Amino acid sequence: MKTSFQRIALLLLASAVWTLVGTSCRTVRGFGQDVEHVGGHIENASR
């Protein structure tokens, strides 16, 4: 019974880590796109 609990705990931990990694990658990509968009506006305003 103890090994069953350990497997479930490990599975939950692995899924939580996977979720955090996947979410942060999308957030960083979105932030980069936002910065690029703002940079384009600044570049156009300086012309």
Protein backbone atom coordinates (compact mmCIF):
# COMPACT_ATOMS: atom_id res chain seq x y z
CA MET A 1 0.00 0.00 0.00
CA LYS A 2 2.87 2.35 0.71
CA THR A 3 4.27 1.97 -2.82
CA SER A 4 0.84 2.80 -4.27
CA PHE A 5 0.76 6.03 -2.33
CA GLN A 6 4.31 6.86 -3.40
CA ARG A 7 3.43 6.30 -7.06
CA ILE A 8 0.37 8.53 -6.80
CA ALA A 9 2.37 11.23 -5.01
CA LEU A 10 5.12 11.04 -7.64
CA LEU A 11 2.57 11.24 -10.45
CA LEU A 12 0.93 14.30 -8.89
CA LEU A 13 4.28 15.98 -8.40
CA ALA A 14 5.37 15.23 -11.97
CA SER A 15 2.11 16.58 -13.39
CA ALA A 16 2.39 19.76 -11.30
CA VAL A 17 5.95 20.36 -12.51
CA TRP A 18 4.92 19.69 -16.11
CA THR A 19 2.05 22.16 -15.80
CA LEU A 20 4.30 24.87 -14.37
CA VAL A 21 6.92 24.36 -17.08
CA GLY A 22 4.35 24.42 -19.87
CA THR A 23 2.62 27.51 -18.52
CA SER A 24 5.82 29.46 -17.99
CA CYS A 25 7.01 28.75 -21.53
CA ARG A 26 3.82 30.17 -22.99
CA THR A 27 4.03 33.17 -20.68
CA VAL A 28 7.62 33.96 -21.65
CA ARG A 29 6.80 33.60 -25.34
CA GLY A 30 3.81 35.92 -24.96
CA PHE A 31 5.89 38.46 -23.07
CA GLY A 32 8.50 38.42 -25.83
CA GLN A 33 5.82 39.05 -28.44
CA ASP A 34 4.45 41.96 -26.39
CA VAL A 35 7.91 43.52 -26.08
CA GLU A 36 8.47 43.10 -29.81
CA HIS A 37 5.12 44.75 -30.54
CA VAL A 38 5.90 47.73 -28.29
CA GLY A 39 9.35 48.02 -29.85
CA GLY A 40 7.75 48.25 -33.28
CA HIS A 41 5.56 51.12 -32.11
CA ILE A 42 8.55 52.94 -30.62
CA GLU A 43 10.50 52.46 -33.84
CA ASN A 44 7.64 53.81 -35.95
CA ALA A 45 7.20 56.81 -33.65
CA SER A 46 10.88 57.72 -33.94
CA ARG A 47 10.71 58.03 -37.74
